[in-house]
Amino acid sequence: MRLRYGTRTLARARPGTRFYDRMAAWPVAFEAGMKEALRRHLPESDYSIYVTGHSTGGPMVFMISQRVPNIAGVIAVENSPFGFIQEAQHDWSGALGKVAGFERVTKKRSPRSDPFNELYIRTWRDRARYAGPEALGQEGPQALMRLPWLMEEVFDWWDKTKARPQFKAEYIITHNIVASLEAAARAAATRLKMSEDETAALVKHYLGFPYPQSGGGAKPVPPVLFCISKDSRDHSPEVYQEVVLPMFAKLDPAPKVRVTRWGAGVHTYHKAEPDLPLGIAPPVAEFYVHAIQEGYFVV
């Protein structure tokens, strides 16, 4: 994955440690924590809930959207879809090709295989991989002529943010990494001394996180309103038209899904631009308010 990330830094949890146990069990802890927090603080009798998950947070809120009865919609600004759709996007390189000005690469990529016990440690490279495409979209190819300056901006950003927690663990769900989801479930089941049937049920539960729930009694996927920015590295109109919207349309029942592309903005949609001190965040928020008030999310 060097084309996407450069050098990746990982903390690998050793079997038998608390770190390992937590890396195995966080998916169900995450699910249970979200359900309990929403039940406690935003009860069904008093609230309708609209969820958003920026970037790889998107598959996590899609997962929870059917598991909490009063989640009424997904306000998906630069928000990735279900993990199984994100997995399909991995094979479709239109987003990168569109930004970079190259023809779309049609060679099938190797599927992601992140082990569940590897915690990704973010570095300045995570800003650099967005800074390049964003500068290209906003300035054109001449942006490369100021590469040292651009890198100074990246390092300045990193100096201001590196004191925050800089780790990511959600890839096994957000990219539907089946082998790692099963391995995590089996590791958790072993620690809890589950029976064979209990283990099988837990594996099935883990493997369901990247997919919508279906069948009798399942809550339908609520309406979704995607917003994407002009110079997003990962969210192009083409990938929505060719992958995301068709895959949502195949769900049974198919939810209401629309996508709006804004004429400004980047993946970090509150990043300042000329004449936009908070990026596109304020008009996007107003857009969603109108969508809620005018009944888009009413089914």
Protein backbone atom coordinates (compact mmCIF):
# COMPACT_ATOMS: atom_id res chain seq x y z
CA MET A 1 0.00 0.00 0.00
CA ARG A 2 2.96 2.30 -0.43
CA LEU A 3 1.31 4.22 -3.28
CA ARG A 4 -1.43 5.31 -0.88
CA TYR A 5 0.39 5.64 2.44
CA GLY A 6 4.12 5.73 1.87
CA THR A 7 5.69 4.03 4.89
CA ARG A 8 3.09 2.78 7.41
CA THR A 9 3.84 2.55 11.13
CA LEU A 10 2.03 -0.10 13.13
CA ALA A 11 1.85 -1.21 16.76
CA ARG A 12 1.35 -4.98 16.78
CA ALA A 13 -0.38 -6.40 19.86
CA ARG A 14 1.28 -9.50 21.28
CA PRO A 15 -1.07 -12.44 22.01
CA GLY A 16 -1.80 -12.81 25.70
CA THR A 17 -1.63 -9.07 26.45
CA ARG A 18 -4.47 -6.73 27.35
CA PHE A 19 -3.68 -4.79 24.18
CA TYR A 20 -4.30 -7.93 22.12
CA ASP A 21 -7.56 -8.64 23.93
CA ARG A 22 -8.78 -5.10 23.32
CA MET A 23 -7.85 -5.21 19.65
CA ALA A 24 -9.94 -8.38 19.36
CA ALA A 25 -12.97 -7.10 21.28
CA TRP A 26 -13.27 -3.42 20.30
CA PRO A 27 -15.85 -3.99 17.50
CA VAL A 28 -18.52 -5.29 19.89
CA ALA A 29 -17.48 -2.81 22.60
CA PHE A 30 -17.88 -0.01 20.06
CA GLU A 31 -21.33 -1.26 19.06
CA ALA A 32 -22.51 -1.74 22.65
CA GLY A 33 -21.11 1.63 23.73
CA MET A 34 -22.85 3.54 20.93
CA LYS A 35 -26.17 1.80 21.56
CA GLU A 36 -26.03 2.45 25.29
CA ALA A 37 -24.90 6.08 24.93
CA LEU A 38 -27.72 6.87 22.52
CA ARG A 39 -30.29 5.02 24.64
CA ARG A 40 -29.18 6.89 27.75
CA HIS A 41 -28.75 10.39 26.37
CA LEU A 42 -31.04 10.50 23.30
CA PRO A 43 -33.96 8.22 24.18
CA GLU A 44 -36.40 7.08 21.52
CA SER A 45 -39.31 8.79 23.25
CA ASP A 46 -37.74 12.25 22.92
CA TYR A 47 -35.32 12.35 20.00
CA SER A 48 -34.76 11.58 16.36
CA ILE A 49 -31.05 11.01 15.74
CA TYR A 50 -29.05 11.88 12.61
CA VAL A 51 -25.62 10.28 12.46
CA THR A 52 -22.48 11.26 10.57
CA GLY A 53 -19.09 9.61 10.38
CA HIS A 54 -16.29 11.45 8.67
CA SER A 55 -14.20 9.36 6.29
CA THR A 56 -13.63 5.87 7.72
CA GLY A 57 -16.08 6.74 10.49
CA GLY A 58 -18.78 6.36 7.84
CA PRO A 59 -19.02 2.55 7.84
CA MET A 60 -19.24 2.66 11.64
CA VAL A 61 -22.31 4.94 11.64
CA PHE A 62 -23.90 2.95 8.83
CA MET A 63 -23.42 -0.12 11.01
CA ILE A 64 -25.14 1.51 14.00
CA SER A 65 -27.90 3.15 11.92
CA GLN A 66 -29.98 -0.05 11.93
CA ARG A 67 -29.19 -1.03 15.50
CA VAL A 68 -30.74 2.04 17.17
CA PRO A 69 -34.49 2.48 16.49
CA ASN A 70 -34.61 6.29 16.52
CA ILE A 71 -31.71 6.91 14.12
CA ALA A 72 -33.68 8.67 11.39
CA GLY A 73 -31.00 9.30 8.80
CA VAL A 74 -27.35 9.49 7.82
CA ILE A 75 -25.99 12.98 7.10
CA ALA A 76 -22.99 11.71 5.21
CA VAL A 77 -20.57 14.56 4.49
CA GLU A 78 -17.28 13.09 3.19
CA ASN A 79 -18.60 9.95 4.85
CA SER A 80 -17.67 6.51 3.49
CA PRO A 81 -20.46 3.91 3.01
CA PHE A 82 -20.92 0.40 4.42
CA GLY A 83 -17.73 -1.64 4.60
CA PHE A 84 -18.76 -4.04 1.83
CA ILE A 85 -19.28 -1.06 -0.50
CA GLN A 86 -16.00 0.47 0.60
CA GLU A 87 -14.34 -2.85 -0.24
CA ALA A 88 -15.76 -2.60 -3.78
CA GLN A 89 -14.45 0.96 -4.05
CA HIS A 90 -10.96 -0.34 -3.26
CA ASP A 91 -10.98 -2.03 -6.66
CA TRP A 92 -12.21 1.12 -8.39
CA SER A 93 -9.46 3.72 -8.63
CA GLY A 94 -11.55 6.43 -10.29
CA ALA A 95 -11.20 8.79 -7.33
CA LEU A 96 -7.41 8.81 -7.57
CA GLY A 97 -7.43 8.91 -11.36
CA LYS A 98 -9.87 11.81 -11.46
CA VAL A 99 -7.82 13.93 -9.08
CA ALA A 100 -4.47 13.07 -10.60
CA GLY A 101 -5.63 13.53 -14.18
CA PHE A 102 -4.64 10.02 -15.25
CA GLU A 103 -6.68 7.31 -16.90
CA ARG A 104 -8.41 5.04 -14.45
CA VAL A 105 -6.30 2.03 -13.53
CA THR A 106 -8.22 -1.15 -14.32
CA LYS A 107 -5.82 -3.66 -12.82
CA LYS A 108 -7.48 -5.32 -9.84
CA ARG A 109 -5.83 -4.37 -6.57
CA SER A 110 -4.93 -6.92 -3.95
CA PRO A 111 -7.56 -7.00 -1.19
CA ARG A 112 -6.63 -5.39 2.10
CA SER A 113 -5.39 -7.84 4.69
CA ASP A 114 -4.78 -5.73 7.82
CA PRO A 115 -4.44 -8.12 10.80
CA PHE A 116 -6.87 -7.29 13.61
CA ASN A 117 -4.04 -6.92 16.15
CA GLU A 118 -2.18 -4.23 14.19
CA LEU A 119 -2.96 -0.68 15.29
CA TYR A 120 -2.16 1.90 12.62
CA ILE A 121 -0.12 4.82 13.98
CA ARG A 122 -0.68 7.99 11.97
CA THR A 123 2.22 10.25 10.91
CA TRP A 124 2.71 13.41 8.86
CA ARG A 125 2.23 11.19 5.79
CA ASP A 126 -1.51 11.08 6.48
CA ARG A 127 -1.69 14.81 5.85
CA ALA A 128 0.71 14.63 2.89
CA ARG A 129 -1.43 12.07 1.03
CA TYR A 130 -4.29 14.56 1.05
CA ALA A 131 -2.24 17.73 0.62
CA GLY A 132 -0.94 16.64 -2.81
CA PRO A 133 -4.30 15.92 -4.50
CA GLU A 134 -5.89 18.95 -2.83
CA ALA A 135 -3.17 21.29 -4.10
CA LEU A 136 -3.46 19.73 -7.55
CA GLY A 137 -7.20 20.32 -7.63
CA GLN A 138 -6.96 23.89 -6.39
CA GLU A 139 -3.75 25.04 -8.10
CA GLY A 140 -3.21 22.66 -10.98
CA PRO A 141 0.09 20.90 -11.87
CA GLN A 142 2.08 24.01 -10.97
CA ALA A 143 1.49 23.05 -7.32
CA LEU A 144 4.48 20.70 -7.69
CA MET A 145 6.66 23.73 -8.32
CA ARG A 146 6.20 24.68 -4.66
CA LEU A 147 6.68 21.20 -3.24
CA PRO A 148 9.12 22.29 -0.47
CA TRP A 149 6.63 24.93 0.67
CA LEU A 150 3.81 22.39 0.53
CA MET A 151 5.80 19.99 2.68
CA GLU A 152 6.47 22.78 5.18
CA GLU A 153 2.70 23.23 5.46
CA VAL A 154 2.35 19.50 6.08
CA PHE A 155 4.99 19.53 8.83
CA ASP A 156 3.46 22.65 10.41
CA TRP A 157 0.13 20.83 10.55
CA TRP A 158 1.80 17.78 12.08
CA ASP A 159 3.52 19.85 14.79
CA LYS A 160 0.12 21.19 15.85
CA THR A 161 -1.71 17.86 15.86
CA LYS A 162 0.78 15.14 16.80
CA ALA A 163 0.03 15.48 20.53
CA ARG A 164 -3.47 14.13 19.90
CA PRO A 165 -4.19 10.40 19.79
CA GLN A 166 -2.98 9.40 16.32
CA PHE A 167 -4.14 5.85 15.76
CA LYS A 168 -6.73 4.02 13.68
CA ALA A 169 -8.12 0.53 14.19
CA GLU A 170 -11.35 0.41 12.21
CA TYR A 171 -10.05 -0.88 8.88
CA ILE A 172 -11.21 -4.45 9.46
CA ILE A 173 -14.80 -3.17 9.41
CA THR A 174 -14.47 -0.24 7.03
CA HIS A 175 -12.83 -2.42 4.34
CA ASN A 176 -14.67 -5.67 5.15
CA ILE A 177 -11.51 -7.66 5.88
CA VAL A 178 -13.24 -10.99 6.42
CA ALA A 179 -10.30 -13.08 7.65
CA SER A 180 -9.34 -10.46 10.23
CA LEU A 181 -12.90 -10.03 11.46
CA GLU A 182 -13.18 -13.79 11.99
CA ALA A 183 -9.79 -13.99 13.69
CA ALA A 184 -10.75 -11.16 16.06
CA ALA A 185 -14.03 -12.82 16.93
CA ARG A 186 -12.33 -16.17 17.61
CA ALA A 187 -9.68 -14.50 19.77
CA ALA A 188 -12.37 -12.80 21.85
CA ALA A 189 -14.35 -16.03 22.10
CA THR A 190 -11.27 -17.96 23.27
CA ARG A 191 -10.58 -15.41 26.01
CA LEU A 192 -14.21 -15.60 27.17
CA LYS A 193 -14.17 -19.43 27.03
CA MET A 194 -17.19 -19.51 24.73
CA SER A 195 -18.72 -22.75 23.50
CA GLU A 196 -18.49 -23.79 19.87
CA ASP A 197 -22.00 -22.50 19.17
CA GLU A 198 -21.34 -19.23 20.99
CA THR A 199 -18.12 -18.78 19.04
CA ALA A 200 -19.90 -19.37 15.73
CA ALA A 201 -22.55 -16.80 16.70
CA LEU A 202 -19.88 -14.24 17.58
CA VAL A 203 -18.05 -14.84 14.29
CA LYS A 204 -21.32 -14.34 12.41
CA HIS A 205 -21.93 -11.12 14.36
CA TYR A 206 -18.48 -9.74 13.50
CA LEU A 207 -18.83 -10.65 9.84
CA GLY A 208 -22.10 -8.72 9.76
CA PHE A 209 -20.61 -5.38 10.80
CA PRO A 210 -19.67 -4.28 7.23
CA TYR A 211 -23.11 -5.18 5.84
CA PRO A 212 -26.66 -3.90 6.32
CA GLN A 213 -28.88 -6.10 8.43
CA SER A 214 -31.63 -7.91 6.55
CA GLY A 215 -34.41 -10.39 7.10
CA GLY A 216 -37.41 -10.44 9.37
CA GLY A 217 -37.33 -7.85 12.12
CA ALA A 218 -34.39 -5.91 10.71
CA LYS A 219 -34.78 -2.15 10.63
CA PRO A 220 -34.39 -0.83 7.05
CA VAL A 221 -31.38 1.33 6.28
CA PRO A 222 -32.56 4.91 6.95
CA PRO A 223 -32.39 7.62 4.25
CA VAL A 224 -28.89 8.79 3.36
CA LEU A 225 -27.80 12.20 2.06
CA PHE A 226 -24.18 12.25 0.90
CA CYS A 227 -22.24 15.48 0.48
CA ILE A 228 -18.84 15.44 -1.21
CA SER A 229 -16.37 18.29 -1.69
CA LYS A 230 -14.84 19.59 -4.90
CA ASP A 231 -11.27 18.52 -4.19
CA SER A 232 -11.82 15.38 -2.14
CA ARG A 233 -9.08 12.80 -2.53
CA ASP A 234 -11.30 9.82 -1.82
CA HIS A 235 -14.84 10.86 -2.81
CA SER A 236 -15.37 11.55 -6.50
CA PRO A 237 -18.70 11.84 -8.36
CA GLU A 238 -17.62 8.94 -10.56
CA VAL A 239 -17.18 6.47 -7.71
CA TYR A 240 -20.62 7.38 -6.39
CA GLN A 241 -22.27 6.97 -9.78
CA GLU A 242 -20.47 3.74 -10.70
CA VAL A 243 -20.16 1.99 -7.33
CA VAL A 244 -21.87 3.54 -4.31
CA LEU A 245 -25.34 4.43 -5.61
CA PRO A 246 -25.81 1.21 -7.63
CA MET A 247 -24.85 -0.93 -4.64
CA PHE A 248 -27.28 0.89 -2.34
CA ALA A 249 -29.97 0.46 -5.00
CA LYS A 250 -29.53 -3.33 -4.81
CA LEU A 251 -30.40 -3.46 -1.09
CA ASP A 252 -33.81 -4.86 -0.16
CA PRO A 253 -35.47 -2.59 0.74
CA ALA A 254 -33.39 0.04 -1.02
CA PRO A 255 -33.01 3.20 1.09
CA LYS A 256 -33.41 6.72 -0.26
CA VAL A 257 -29.87 7.83 -1.19
CA ARG A 258 -28.78 11.05 -2.88
CA VAL A 259 -25.39 12.70 -3.37
CA THR A 260 -24.59 16.43 -3.67
CA ARG A 261 -21.19 17.65 -4.80
CA TRP A 262 -20.12 21.08 -3.57
CA GLY A 263 -18.16 23.56 -5.69
CA ALA A 264 -15.47 24.04 -3.06
CA GLY A 265 -13.92 22.19 -0.14
CA VAL A 266 -11.62 19.26 0.55
CA HIS A 267 -11.93 16.02 2.48
CA THR A 268 -11.46 17.85 5.79
CA TYR A 269 -14.52 19.89 4.95
CA HIS A 270 -14.06 22.52 7.68
CA LYS A 271 -10.57 23.42 6.41
CA ALA A 272 -10.27 27.12 5.60
CA GLU A 273 -10.11 28.29 1.98
CA PRO A 274 -10.11 31.79 0.47
CA ASP A 275 -13.41 33.45 1.47
CA LEU A 276 -14.39 30.28 3.36
CA PRO A 277 -12.85 30.54 6.87
CA LEU A 278 -14.61 27.33 7.98
CA GLY A 279 -14.47 25.61 4.61
CA ILE A 280 -17.79 24.30 3.35
CA ALA A 281 -18.96 23.21 6.82
CA PRO A 282 -21.45 26.10 7.40
CA PRO A 283 -23.38 25.75 4.11
CA VAL A 284 -23.31 21.95 4.41
CA ALA A 285 -24.80 22.21 7.90
CA GLU A 286 -27.50 24.56 6.61
CA PHE A 287 -28.21 22.15 3.76
CA TYR A 288 -28.79 19.30 6.19
CA VAL A 289 -31.00 21.44 8.43
CA HIS A 290 -33.24 22.21 5.46
CA ALA A 291 -33.25 18.53 4.44
CA ILE A 292 -34.44 17.54 7.93
CA GLN A 293 -37.03 20.32 8.19
CA GLU A 294 -38.42 19.77 4.69
CA GLY A 295 -38.95 16.03 5.11
CA TYR A 296 -36.14 14.37 3.15
CA PHE A 297 -35.58 11.85 5.94
CA VAL A 298 -39.26 11.05 6.48
CA VAL A 299 -40.10 7.56 5.21
